[in-house]
Amino acid sequence: MKIFRFSCTLLAAISSPAWAVCSATNCPDVIVQLLYPSTDGKAYVKIDASLTPLNCTPLAGGYLSLIRSDQNSDWIYATLLTAVAANGGKLANVRIVEGSAGCIIAYVWQRPL
């Protein structure tokens, strides 16, 4: 019986999802929980990681931001949208602009599906 309990505990630990851990500059292996394009020229992004370690000031509610007028923002948004639509929201990395208000996204990348 002890072996059975140990085996069940071990399997539960192995199959539990890994939690993303951000550093000062980026968040690896995250899941996009919400992608919200707004009429104010920004898109708001919520991920499954704590934003506390990031060297930026997140928006209220823990959102990252993508500014439409920034260079390559359409490519970044397309990658975010692809992650949400085709890959369960999984992204390999989200990099922010250090010191930015609103934790502006500098770039993202994802692994092949």
PDB file of N, CA and C in Angstrom:
ATOM      1  N   MET A   1       0.823  -1.196   0.000  1.00  0.00           N
ATOM      2  CA  MET A   1       0.000   0.000   0.000  1.00  0.00           C
ATOM      3  C   MET A   1       0.869   1.262   0.000  1.00  0.00           C
ATOM      4  N   LYS A   2       1.988   1.219   0.725  1.00  0.00           N
ATOM      5  CA  LYS A   2       2.872   2.381   0.755  1.00  0.00           C
ATOM      6  C   LYS A   2       3.476   2.647  -0.617  1.00  0.00           C
ATOM      7  N   ILE A   3       3.815   1.579  -1.324  1.00  0.00           N
ATOM      8  CA  ILE A   3       4.382   1.736  -2.662  1.00  0.00           C
ATOM      9  C   ILE A   3       3.351   2.357  -3.594  1.00  0.00           C
ATOM     10  N   PHE A   4       2.096   1.941  -3.473  1.00  0.00           N
ATOM     11  CA  PHE A   4       1.025   2.493  -4.302  1.00  0.00           C
ATOM     12  C   PHE A   4       0.862   3.992  -4.049  1.00  0.00           C
ATOM     13  N   ARG A   5       0.839   4.396  -2.790  1.00  0.00           N
ATOM     14  CA  ARG A   5       0.706   5.810  -2.447  1.00  0.00           C
ATOM     15  C   ARG A   5       1.895   6.623  -2.958  1.00  0.00           C
ATOM     16  N   PHE A   6       3.082   6.061  -2.784  1.00  0.00           N
ATOM     17  CA  PHE A   6       4.285   6.745  -3.267  1.00  0.00           C
ATOM     18  C   PHE A   6       4.229   6.911  -4.782  1.00  0.00           C
ATOM     19  N   SER A   7       3.826   5.863  -5.481  1.00  0.00           N
ATOM     20  CA  SER A   7       3.730   5.914  -6.939  1.00  0.00           C
ATOM     21  C   SER A   7       2.725   6.973  -7.393  1.00  0.00           C
ATOM     22  N   CYS A   8       1.584   7.030  -6.728  1.00  0.00           N
ATOM     23  CA  CYS A   8       0.557   8.032  -7.076  1.00  0.00           C
ATOM     24  C   CYS A   8       1.076   9.448  -6.833  1.00  0.00           C
ATOM     25  N   THR A   9       1.767   9.646  -5.727  1.00  0.00           N
ATOM     26  CA  THR A   9       2.330  10.962  -5.420  1.00  0.00           C
ATOM     27  C   THR A   9       3.381  11.349  -6.448  1.00  0.00           C
ATOM     28  N   LEU A  10       4.234  10.416  -6.809  1.00  0.00           N
ATOM     29  CA  LEU A  10       5.270  10.680  -7.799  1.00  0.00           C
ATOM     30  C   LEU A  10       4.663  11.019  -9.155  1.00  0.00           C
ATOM     31  N   LEU A  11       3.666  10.273  -9.589  1.00  0.00           N
ATOM     32  CA  LEU A  11       3.005  10.555 -10.861  1.00  0.00           C
ATOM     33  C   LEU A  11       2.325  11.916 -10.855  1.00  0.00           C
ATOM     34  N   ALA A  12       1.711  12.264  -9.752  1.00  0.00           N
ATOM     35  CA  ALA A  12       1.058  13.575  -9.657  1.00  0.00           C
ATOM     36  C   ALA A  12       2.080  14.699  -9.757  1.00  0.00           C
ATOM     37  N   ALA A  13       3.225  14.517  -9.140  1.00  0.00           N
ATOM     38  CA  ALA A  13       4.264  15.550  -9.186  1.00  0.00           C
ATOM     39  C   ALA A  13       4.842  15.690 -10.589  1.00  0.00           C
ATOM     40  N   ILE A  14       5.030  14.569 -11.267  1.00  0.00           N
ATOM     41  CA  ILE A  14       5.596  14.598 -12.607  1.00  0.00           C
ATOM     42  C   ILE A  14       4.627  15.217 -13.604  1.00  0.00           C
ATOM     43  N   SER A  15       3.345  14.933 -13.466  1.00  0.00           N
ATOM     44  CA  SER A  15       2.372  15.412 -14.437  1.00  0.00           C
ATOM     45  C   SER A  15       1.869  16.819 -14.152  1.00  0.00           C
ATOM     46  N   SER A  16       2.249  17.415 -13.039  1.00  0.00           N
ATOM     47  CA  SER A  16       1.822  18.778 -12.728  1.00  0.00           C
ATOM     48  C   SER A  16       2.491  19.751 -13.678  1.00  0.00           C
ATOM     49  N   PRO A  17       1.771  20.806 -14.087  1.00  0.00           N
ATOM     50  CA  PRO A  17       2.369  21.764 -15.006  1.00  0.00           C
ATOM     51  C   PRO A  17       3.500  22.537 -14.332  1.00  0.00           C
ATOM     52  N   ALA A  18       4.509  22.890 -15.119  1.00  0.00           N
ATOM     53  CA  ALA A  18       5.605  23.700 -14.598  1.00  0.00           C
ATOM     54  C   ALA A  18       5.141  25.150 -14.547  1.00  0.00           C
ATOM     55  N   TRP A  19       5.535  25.850 -13.514  1.00  0.00           N
ATOM     56  CA  TRP A  19       5.160  27.251 -13.378  1.00  0.00           C
ATOM     57  C   TRP A  19       6.265  28.105 -13.963  1.00  0.00           C
ATOM     58  N   ALA A  20       5.869  29.079 -14.757  1.00  0.00           N
ATOM     59  CA  ALA A  20       6.832  29.976 -15.370  1.00  0.00           C
ATOM     60  C   ALA A  20       7.425  30.888 -14.301  1.00  0.00           C
ATOM     61  N   VAL A  21       8.715  31.137 -14.412  1.00  0.00           N
ATOM     62  CA  VAL A  21       9.398  32.021 -13.476  1.00  0.00           C
ATOM     63  C   VAL A  21      10.095  33.110 -14.282  1.00  0.00           C
ATOM     64  N   CYS A  22       9.685  34.343 -14.062  1.00  0.00           N
ATOM     65  CA  CYS A  22      10.265  35.471 -14.786  1.00  0.00           C
ATOM     66  C   CYS A  22      11.577  35.898 -14.146  1.00  0.00           C
ATOM     67  N   SER A  23      12.443  36.487 -14.970  1.00  0.00           N
ATOM     68  CA  SER A  23      13.656  37.137 -14.472  1.00  0.00           C
ATOM     69  C   SER A  23      13.431  38.645 -14.591  1.00  0.00           C
ATOM     70  N   ALA A  24      14.486  39.418 -14.479  1.00  0.00           N
ATOM     71  CA  ALA A  24      14.339  40.876 -14.581  1.00  0.00           C
ATOM     72  C   ALA A  24      13.974  41.327 -15.996  1.00  0.00           C
ATOM     73  N   THR A  25      14.305  40.515 -16.999  1.00  0.00           N
ATOM     74  CA  THR A  25      14.123  40.948 -18.378  1.00  0.00           C
ATOM     75  C   THR A  25      13.121  40.138 -19.194  1.00  0.00           C
ATOM     76  N   ASN A  26      12.841  38.919 -18.786  1.00  0.00           N
ATOM     77  CA  ASN A  26      11.972  38.079 -19.609  1.00  0.00           C
ATOM     78  C   ASN A  26      11.257  37.006 -18.787  1.00  0.00           C
ATOM     79  N   CYS A  27      10.253  36.416 -19.435  1.00  0.00           N
ATOM     80  CA  CYS A  27       9.498  35.316 -18.849  1.00  0.00           C
ATOM     81  C   CYS A  27       9.523  34.138 -19.828  1.00  0.00           C
ATOM     82  N   PRO A  28      10.253  33.076 -19.507  1.00  0.00           N
ATOM     83  CA  PRO A  28      10.298  31.918 -20.404  1.00  0.00           C
ATOM     84  C   PRO A  28       9.147  30.952 -20.149  1.00  0.00           C
ATOM     85  N   ASP A  29       8.789  30.210 -21.167  1.00  0.00           N
ATOM     86  CA  ASP A  29       7.795  29.134 -21.063  1.00  0.00           C
ATOM     87  C   ASP A  29       6.507  29.572 -20.365  1.00  0.00           C
ATOM     88  N   VAL A  30       5.845  30.548 -20.955  1.00  0.00           N
ATOM     89  CA  VAL A  30       4.604  31.077 -20.375  1.00  0.00           C
ATOM     90  C   VAL A  30       3.402  30.685 -21.225  1.00  0.00           C
ATOM     91  N   ILE A  31       2.242  30.869 -20.636  1.00  0.00           N
ATOM     92  CA  ILE A  31       0.985  30.682 -21.348  1.00  0.00           C
ATOM     93  C   ILE A  31       0.243  32.013 -21.342  1.00  0.00           C
ATOM     94  N   VAL A  32      -0.164  32.438 -22.523  1.00  0.00           N
ATOM     95  CA  VAL A  32      -0.957  33.664 -22.644  1.00  0.00           C
ATOM     96  C   VAL A  32      -2.371  33.332 -22.180  1.00  0.00           C
ATOM     97  N   GLN A  33      -2.793  33.965 -21.102  1.00  0.00           N
ATOM     98  CA  GLN A  33      -4.126  33.721 -20.560  1.00  0.00           C
ATOM     99  C   GLN A  33      -5.166  34.639 -21.167  1.00  0.00           C
ATOM    100  N   LEU A  34      -4.735  35.838 -21.578  1.00  0.00           N
ATOM    101  CA  LEU A  34      -5.666  36.800 -22.159  1.00  0.00           C
ATOM    102  C   LEU A  34      -4.917  37.707 -23.118  1.00  0.00           C
ATOM    103  N   LEU A  35      -5.491  37.900 -24.279  1.00  0.00           N
ATOM    104  CA  LEU A  35      -4.951  38.823 -25.280  1.00  0.00           C
ATOM    105  C   LEU A  35      -6.082  39.777 -25.631  1.00  0.00           C
ATOM    106  N   TYR A  36      -5.881  41.044 -25.284  1.00  0.00           N
ATOM    107  CA  TYR A  36      -6.961  42.020 -25.385  1.00  0.00           C
ATOM    108  C   TYR A  36      -6.529  43.219 -26.232  1.00  0.00           C
ATOM    109  N   PRO A  37      -6.911  43.245 -27.523  1.00  0.00           N
ATOM    110  CA  PRO A  37      -6.619  44.430 -28.329  1.00  0.00           C
ATOM    111  C   PRO A  37      -7.603  45.537 -27.975  1.00  0.00           C
ATOM    112  N   SER A  38      -7.097  46.740 -27.859  1.00  0.00           N
ATOM    113  CA  SER A  38      -7.938  47.855 -27.434  1.00  0.00           C
ATOM    114  C   SER A  38      -7.954  48.951 -28.492  1.00  0.00           C
ATOM    115  N   THR A  39      -8.945  49.812 -28.415  1.00  0.00           N
ATOM    116  CA  THR A  39      -9.069  50.915 -29.367  1.00  0.00           C
ATOM    117  C   THR A  39      -8.083  52.045 -29.075  1.00  0.00           C
ATOM    118  N   ASP A  40      -7.343  51.956 -27.967  1.00  0.00           N
ATOM    119  CA  ASP A  40      -6.387  53.009 -27.626  1.00  0.00           C
ATOM    120  C   ASP A  40      -5.010  52.795 -28.258  1.00  0.00           C
ATOM    121  N   GLY A  41      -4.909  51.844 -29.202  1.00  0.00           N
ATOM    122  CA  GLY A  41      -3.648  51.605 -29.891  1.00  0.00           C
ATOM    123  C   GLY A  41      -2.719  50.653 -29.165  1.00  0.00           C
ATOM    124  N   LYS A  42      -3.240  49.955 -28.183  1.00  0.00           N
ATOM    125  CA  LYS A  42      -2.438  48.998 -27.427  1.00  0.00           C
ATOM    126  C   LYS A  42      -3.136  47.645 -27.398  1.00  0.00           C
ATOM    127  N   ALA A  43      -2.346  46.627 -27.136  1.00  0.00           N
ATOM    128  CA  ALA A  43      -2.895  45.306 -26.846  1.00  0.00           C
ATOM    129  C   ALA A  43      -2.404  44.946 -25.448  1.00  0.00           C
ATOM    130  N   TYR A  44      -3.265  44.365 -24.666  1.00  0.00           N
ATOM    131  CA  TYR A  44      -2.923  43.999 -23.306  1.00  0.00           C
ATOM    132  C   TYR A  44      -2.816  42.484 -23.216  1.00  0.00           C
ATOM    133  N   VAL A  45      -1.768  42.030 -22.537  1.00  0.00           N
ATOM    134  CA  VAL A  45      -1.454  40.604 -22.488  1.00  0.00           C
ATOM    135  C   VAL A  45      -1.302  40.169 -21.038  1.00  0.00           C
ATOM    136  N   LYS A  46      -2.022  39.113 -20.681  1.00  0.00           N
ATOM    137  CA  LYS A  46      -1.889  38.534 -19.346  1.00  0.00           C
ATOM    138  C   LYS A  46      -1.289  37.150 -19.512  1.00  0.00           C
ATOM    139  N   ILE A  47      -0.233  36.874 -18.734  1.00  0.00           N
ATOM    140  CA  ILE A  47       0.422  35.572 -18.794  1.00  0.00           C
ATOM    141  C   ILE A  47       0.293  34.866 -17.450  1.00  0.00           C
ATOM    142  N   ASP A  48       0.656  33.593 -17.437  1.00  0.00           N
ATOM    143  CA  ASP A  48       0.476  32.770 -16.241  1.00  0.00           C
ATOM    144  C   ASP A  48       1.631  32.864 -15.249  1.00  0.00           C
ATOM    145  N   ALA A  49       2.487  33.847 -15.368  1.00  0.00           N
ATOM    146  CA  ALA A  49       3.644  33.981 -14.475  1.00  0.00           C
ATOM    147  C   ALA A  49       3.521  35.243 -13.632  1.00  0.00           C
ATOM    148  N   SER A  50       4.180  35.229 -12.496  1.00  0.00           N
ATOM    149  CA  SER A  50       4.243  36.424 -11.659  1.00  0.00           C
ATOM    150  C   SER A  50       5.154  37.442 -12.333  1.00  0.00           C
ATOM    151  N   LEU A  51       4.707  38.676 -12.432  1.00  0.00           N
ATOM    152  CA  LEU A  51       5.480  39.730 -13.078  1.00  0.00           C
ATOM    153  C   LEU A  51       6.399  40.454 -12.105  1.00  0.00           C
ATOM    154  N   THR A  52       6.368  40.065 -10.850  1.00  0.00           N
ATOM    155  CA  THR A  52       7.137  40.738  -9.805  1.00  0.00           C
ATOM    156  C   THR A  52       8.628  40.848 -10.117  1.00  0.00           C
ATOM    157  N   PRO A  53       9.296  39.796 -10.615  1.00  0.00           N
ATOM    158  CA  PRO A  53      10.742  39.929 -10.867  1.00  0.00           C
ATOM    159  C   PRO A  53      11.101  40.848 -12.036  1.00  0.00           C
ATOM    160  N   LEU A  54      10.152  41.147 -12.915  1.00  0.00           N
ATOM    161  CA  LEU A  54      10.452  41.949 -14.095  1.00  0.00           C
ATOM    162  C   LEU A  54      10.867  43.369 -13.731  1.00  0.00           C
ATOM    163  N   ASN A  55      11.819  43.908 -14.473  1.00  0.00           N
ATOM    164  CA  ASN A  55      12.283  45.273 -14.287  1.00  0.00           C
ATOM    165  C   ASN A  55      11.407  46.227 -15.108  1.00  0.00           C
ATOM    166  N   CYS A  56      10.135  46.305 -14.719  1.00  0.00           N
ATOM    167  CA  CYS A  56       9.166  47.194 -15.362  1.00  0.00           C
ATOM    168  C   CYS A  56       7.988  47.337 -14.408  1.00  0.00           C
ATOM    169  N   THR A  57       7.092  48.239 -14.743  1.00  0.00           N
ATOM    170  CA  THR A  57       5.902  48.441 -13.925  1.00  0.00           C
ATOM    171  C   THR A  57       4.690  47.915 -14.676  1.00  0.00           C
ATOM    172  N   PRO A  58       4.148  46.762 -14.251  1.00  0.00           N
ATOM    173  CA  PRO A  58       2.989  46.209 -14.969  1.00  0.00           C
ATOM    174  C   PRO A  58       1.755  47.084 -14.796  1.00  0.00           C
ATOM    175  N   LEU A  59       0.843  46.947 -15.728  1.00  0.00           N
ATOM    176  CA  LEU A  59      -0.428  47.660 -15.633  1.00  0.00           C
ATOM    177  C   LEU A  59      -1.278  47.039 -14.537  1.00  0.00           C
ATOM    178  N   ALA A  60      -2.299  47.758 -14.101  1.00  0.00           N
ATOM    179  CA  ALA A  60      -3.214  47.237 -13.086  1.00  0.00           C
ATOM    180  C   ALA A  60      -3.768  45.893 -13.547  1.00  0.00           C
ATOM    181  N   GLY A  61      -3.828  44.952 -12.652  1.00  0.00           N
ATOM    182  CA  GLY A  61      -4.327  43.620 -12.980  1.00  0.00           C
ATOM    183  C   GLY A  61      -3.240  42.690 -13.490  1.00  0.00           C
ATOM    184  N   GLY A  62      -1.986  43.170 -13.563  1.00  0.00           N
ATOM    185  CA  GLY A  62      -0.880  42.330 -13.973  1.00  0.00           C
ATOM    186  C   GLY A  62      -0.768  42.109 -15.468  1.00  0.00           C
ATOM    187  N   TYR A  63      -1.000  43.146 -16.243  1.00  0.00           N
ATOM    188  CA  TYR A  63      -0.937  43.037 -17.700  1.00  0.00           C
ATOM    189  C   TYR A  63       0.373  43.586 -18.246  1.00  0.00           C
ATOM    190  N   LEU A  64       0.840  42.951 -19.316  1.00  0.00           N
ATOM    191  CA  LEU A  64       1.914  43.480 -20.145  1.00  0.00           C
ATOM    192  C   LEU A  64       1.239  44.265 -21.259  1.00  0.00           C
ATOM    193  N   SER A  65       1.985  45.137 -21.932  1.00  0.00           N
ATOM    194  CA  SER A  65       1.363  45.900 -23.009  1.00  0.00           C
ATOM    195  C   SER A  65       2.199  45.844 -24.281  1.00  0.00           C
ATOM    196  N   LEU A  66       1.506  45.948 -25.385  1.00  0.00           N
ATOM    197  CA  LEU A  66       2.110  46.011 -26.702  1.00  0.00           C
ATOM    198  C   LEU A  66       1.550  47.253 -27.365  1.00  0.00           C
ATOM    199  N   ILE A  67       2.429  48.161 -27.765  1.00  0.00           N
ATOM    200  CA  ILE A  67       2.000  49.434 -28.340  1.00  0.00           C
ATOM    201  C   ILE A  67       2.019  49.325 -29.866  1.00  0.00           C
ATOM    202  N   ARG A  68       0.894  49.591 -30.466  1.00  0.00           N
ATOM    203  CA  ARG A  68       0.701  49.414 -31.915  1.00  0.00           C
ATOM    204  C   ARG A  68       1.701  50.210 -32.741  1.00  0.00           C
ATOM    205  N   SER A  69       2.070  51.386 -32.290  1.00  0.00           N
ATOM    206  CA  SER A  69       2.975  52.239 -33.065  1.00  0.00           C
ATOM    207  C   SER A  69       4.440  51.792 -32.974  1.00  0.00           C
ATOM    208  N   ASP A  70       4.760  50.877 -32.074  1.00  0.00           N
ATOM    209  CA  ASP A  70       6.133  50.381 -31.959  1.00  0.00           C
ATOM    210  C   ASP A  70       6.517  49.553 -33.175  1.00  0.00           C
ATOM    211  N   GLN A  71       7.796  49.611 -33.510  1.00  0.00           N
ATOM    212  CA  GLN A  71       8.304  48.847 -34.643  1.00  0.00           C
ATOM    213  C   GLN A  71       8.079  47.355 -34.411  1.00  0.00           C
ATOM    214  N   ASN A  72       7.600  46.669 -35.419  1.00  0.00           N
ATOM    215  CA  ASN A  72       7.362  45.222 -35.406  1.00  0.00           C
ATOM    216  C   ASN A  72       6.238  44.769 -34.473  1.00  0.00           C
ATOM    217  N   SER A  73       5.416  45.692 -34.004  1.00  0.00           N
ATOM    218  CA  SER A  73       4.326  45.295 -33.114  1.00  0.00           C
ATOM    219  C   SER A  73       3.323  44.380 -33.819  1.00  0.00           C
ATOM    220  N   ASP A  74       3.153  44.561 -35.125  1.00  0.00           N
ATOM    221  CA  ASP A  74       2.223  43.693 -35.840  1.00  0.00           C
ATOM    222  C   ASP A  74       2.751  42.256 -35.896  1.00  0.00           C
ATOM    223  N   TRP A  75       4.055  42.086 -35.995  1.00  0.00           N
ATOM    224  CA  TRP A  75       4.646  40.745 -35.991  1.00  0.00           C
ATOM    225  C   TRP A  75       4.517  40.109 -34.607  1.00  0.00           C
ATOM    226  N   ILE A  76       4.754  40.903 -33.576  1.00  0.00           N
ATOM    227  CA  ILE A  76       4.635  40.401 -32.201  1.00  0.00           C
ATOM    228  C   ILE A  76       3.193  40.000 -31.928  1.00  0.00           C
ATOM    229  N   TYR A  77       2.246  40.855 -32.343  1.00  0.00           N
ATOM    230  CA  TYR A  77       0.830  40.537 -32.127  1.00  0.00           C
ATOM    231  C   TYR A  77       0.437  39.268 -32.879  1.00  0.00           C
ATOM    232  N   ALA A  78       0.939  39.105 -34.091  1.00  0.00           N
ATOM    233  CA  ALA A  78       0.642  37.896 -34.872  1.00  0.00           C
ATOM    234  C   ALA A  78       1.164  36.648 -34.165  1.00  0.00           C
ATOM    235  N   THR A  79       2.335  36.743 -33.576  1.00  0.00           N
ATOM    236  CA  THR A  79       2.894  35.607 -32.837  1.00  0.00           C
ATOM    237  C   THR A  79       2.058  35.307 -31.593  1.00  0.00           C
ATOM    238  N   LEU A  80       1.637  36.357 -30.893  1.00  0.00           N
ATOM    239  CA  LEU A  80       0.772  36.168 -29.719  1.00  0.00           C
ATOM    240  C   LEU A  80      -0.545  35.512 -30.121  1.00  0.00           C
ATOM    241  N   LEU A  81      -1.132  36.010 -31.197  1.00  0.00           N
ATOM    242  CA  LEU A  81      -2.405  35.473 -31.670  1.00  0.00           C
ATOM    243  C   LEU A  81      -2.267  34.019 -32.106  1.00  0.00           C
ATOM    244  N   THR A  82      -1.172  33.705 -32.778  1.00  0.00           N
ATOM    245  CA  THR A  82      -0.915  32.322 -33.181  1.00  0.00           C
ATOM    246  C   THR A  82      -0.765  31.418 -31.963  1.00  0.00           C
ATOM    247  N   ALA A  83      -0.062  31.905 -30.965  1.00  0.00           N
ATOM    248  CA  ALA A  83       0.111  31.118 -29.742  1.00  0.00           C
ATOM    249  C   ALA A  83      -1.233  30.805 -29.102  1.00  0.00           C
ATOM    250  N   VAL A  84      -2.103  31.796 -29.041  1.00  0.00           N
ATOM    251  CA  VAL A  84      -3.416  31.604 -28.422  1.00  0.00           C
ATOM    252  C   VAL A  84      -4.292  30.683 -29.270  1.00  0.00           C
ATOM    253  N   ALA A  85      -4.302  30.903 -30.573  1.00  0.00           N
ATOM    254  CA  ALA A  85      -5.211  30.166 -31.452  1.00  0.00           C
ATOM    255  C   ALA A  85      -4.767  28.731 -31.739  1.00  0.00           C
ATOM    256  N   ALA A  86      -3.473  28.524 -31.898  1.00  0.00           N
ATOM    257  CA  ALA A  86      -3.013  27.220 -32.380  1.00  0.00           C
ATOM    258  C   ALA A  86      -2.148  26.445 -31.402  1.00  0.00           C
ATOM    259  N   ASN A  87      -1.714  27.073 -30.335  1.00  0.00           N
ATOM    260  CA  ASN A  87      -0.747  26.401 -29.470  1.00  0.00           C
ATOM    261  C   ASN A  87      -1.143  26.449 -28.000  1.00  0.00           C
ATOM    262  N   GLY A  88      -2.418  26.607 -27.719  1.00  0.00           N
ATOM    263  CA  GLY A  88      -2.865  26.627 -26.325  1.00  0.00           C
ATOM    264  C   GLY A  88      -2.322  27.791 -25.524  1.00  0.00           C
ATOM    265  N   GLY A  89      -1.887  28.848 -26.199  1.00  0.00           N
ATOM    266  CA  GLY A  89      -1.354  30.021 -25.512  1.00  0.00           C
ATOM    267  C   GLY A  89       0.111  29.920 -25.143  1.00  0.00           C
ATOM    268  N   LYS A  90       0.772  28.816 -25.469  1.00  0.00           N
ATOM    269  CA  LYS A  90       2.157  28.601 -25.044  1.00  0.00           C
ATOM    270  C   LYS A  90       3.136  29.443 -25.861  1.00  0.00           C
ATOM    271  N   LEU A  91       3.985  30.151 -25.138  1.00  0.00           N
ATOM    272  CA  LEU A  91       5.073  30.916 -25.740  1.00  0.00           C
ATOM    273  C   LEU A  91       6.379  30.473 -25.097  1.00  0.00           C
ATOM    274  N   ALA A  92       7.440  30.454 -25.881  1.00  0.00           N
ATOM    275  CA  ALA A  92       8.746  30.074 -25.352  1.00  0.00           C
ATOM    276  C   ALA A  92       9.365  31.204 -24.533  1.00  0.00           C
ATOM    277  N   ASN A  93       9.084  32.455 -24.912  1.00  0.00           N
ATOM    278  CA  ASN A  93       9.696  33.573 -24.204  1.00  0.00           C
ATOM    279  C   ASN A  93       8.964  34.878 -24.493  1.00  0.00           C
ATOM    280  N   VAL A  94       8.864  35.713 -23.469  1.00  0.00           N
ATOM    281  CA  VAL A  94       8.360  37.079 -23.605  1.00  0.00           C
ATOM    282  C   VAL A  94       9.435  37.985 -23.027  1.00  0.00           C
ATOM    283  N   ARG A  95       9.932  38.907 -23.835  1.00  0.00           N
ATOM    284  CA  ARG A  95      10.972  39.851 -23.405  1.00  0.00           C
ATOM    285  C   ARG A  95      10.349  41.220 -23.286  1.00  0.00           C
ATOM    286  N   ILE A  96      10.670  41.945 -22.212  1.00  0.00           N
ATOM    287  CA  ILE A  96      10.098  43.272 -21.997  1.00  0.00           C
ATOM    288  C   ILE A  96      11.157  44.350 -22.203  1.00  0.00           C
ATOM    289  N   VAL A  97      10.693  45.573 -22.363  1.00  0.00           N
ATOM    290  CA  VAL A  97      11.576  46.735 -22.408  1.00  0.00           C
ATOM    291  C   VAL A  97      11.870  47.096 -20.960  1.00  0.00           C
ATOM    292  N   GLU A  98      13.124  46.984 -20.567  1.00  0.00           N
ATOM    293  CA  GLU A  98      13.493  47.222 -19.170  1.00  0.00           C
ATOM    294  C   GLU A  98      13.168  48.647 -18.732  1.00  0.00           C
ATOM    295  N   GLY A  99      12.597  48.763 -17.539  1.00  0.00           N
ATOM    296  CA  GLY A  99      12.262  50.056 -16.964  1.00  0.00           C
ATOM    297  C   GLY A  99      11.007  50.691 -17.530  1.00  0.00           C
ATOM    298  N   SER A 100      10.291  49.994 -18.383  1.00  0.00           N
ATOM    299  CA  SER A 100       9.117  50.587 -19.031  1.00  0.00           C
ATOM    300  C   SER A 100       7.894  50.605 -18.119  1.00  0.00           C
ATOM    301  N   ALA A 101       7.103  51.645 -18.267  1.00  0.00           N
ATOM    302  CA  ALA A 101       5.817  51.716 -17.583  1.00  0.00           C
ATOM    303  C   ALA A 101       4.828  50.909 -18.415  1.00  0.00           C
ATOM    304  N   GLY A 102       4.152  49.980 -17.798  1.00  0.00           N
ATOM    305  CA  GLY A 102       3.215  49.126 -18.507  1.00  0.00           C
ATOM    306  C   GLY A 102       3.839  47.837 -19.010  1.00  0.00           C
ATOM    307  N   CYS A 103       5.099  47.591 -18.635  1.00  0.00           N
ATOM    308  CA  CYS A 103       5.818  46.381 -19.069  1.00  0.00           C
ATOM    309  C   CYS A 103       5.624  46.147 -20.567  1.00  0.00           C
ATOM    310  N   ILE A 104       6.171  47.032 -21.354  1.00  0.00           N
ATOM    311  CA  ILE A 104       6.030  46.959 -22.808  1.00  0.00           C
ATOM    312  C   ILE A 104       6.793  45.745 -23.344  1.00  0.00           C
ATOM    313  N   ILE A 105       6.144  45.003 -24.205  1.00  0.00           N
ATOM    314  CA  ILE A 105       6.747  43.808 -24.788  1.00  0.00           C
ATOM    315  C   ILE A 105       7.718  44.220 -25.890  1.00  0.00           C
ATOM    316  N   ALA A 106       8.969  43.751 -25.779  1.00  0.00           N
ATOM    317  CA  ALA A 106       9.996  44.042 -26.786  1.00  0.00           C
ATOM    318  C   ALA A 106       9.935  43.002 -27.899  1.00  0.00           C
ATOM    319  N   TYR A 107       9.830  41.732 -27.528  1.00  0.00           N
ATOM    320  CA  TYR A 107       9.659  40.660 -28.501  1.00  0.00           C
ATOM    321  C   TYR A 107       9.185  39.397 -27.812  1.00  0.00           C
ATOM    322  N   VAL A 108       8.672  38.489 -28.610  1.00  0.00           N
ATOM    323  CA  VAL A 108       8.235  37.172 -28.133  1.00  0.00           C
ATOM    324  C   VAL A 108       8.732  36.134 -29.134  1.00  0.00           C
ATOM    325  N   TRP A 109       8.817  34.900 -28.694  1.00  0.00           N
ATOM    326  CA  TRP A 109       9.072  33.826 -29.638  1.00  0.00           C
ATOM    327  C   TRP A 109       8.437  32.545 -29.131  1.00  0.00           C
ATOM    328  N   GLN A 110       8.168  31.664 -30.060  1.00  0.00           N
ATOM    329  CA  GLN A 110       7.572  30.400 -29.701  1.00  0.00           C
ATOM    330  C   GLN A 110       8.265  29.268 -30.438  1.00  0.00           C
ATOM    331  N   ARG A 111       8.160  28.104 -29.876  1.00  0.00           N
ATOM    332  CA  ARG A 111       8.758  26.926 -30.492  1.00  0.00           C
ATOM    333  C   ARG A 111       7.822  26.408 -31.575  1.00  0.00           C
ATOM    334  N   PRO A 112       8.358  25.667 -32.539  1.00  0.00           N
ATOM    335  CA  PRO A 112       7.489  25.091 -33.564  1.00  0.00           C
ATOM    336  C   PRO A 112       6.422  24.193 -32.950  1.00  0.00           C
ATOM    337  N   LEU A 113       5.251  24.186 -33.552  1.00  0.00           N
ATOM    338  CA  LEU A 113       4.148  23.374 -33.030  1.00  0.00           C
ATOM    339  C   LEU A 113       4.420  21.914 -33.242  1.00  0.00           C
TER     340      LEU A 113
END
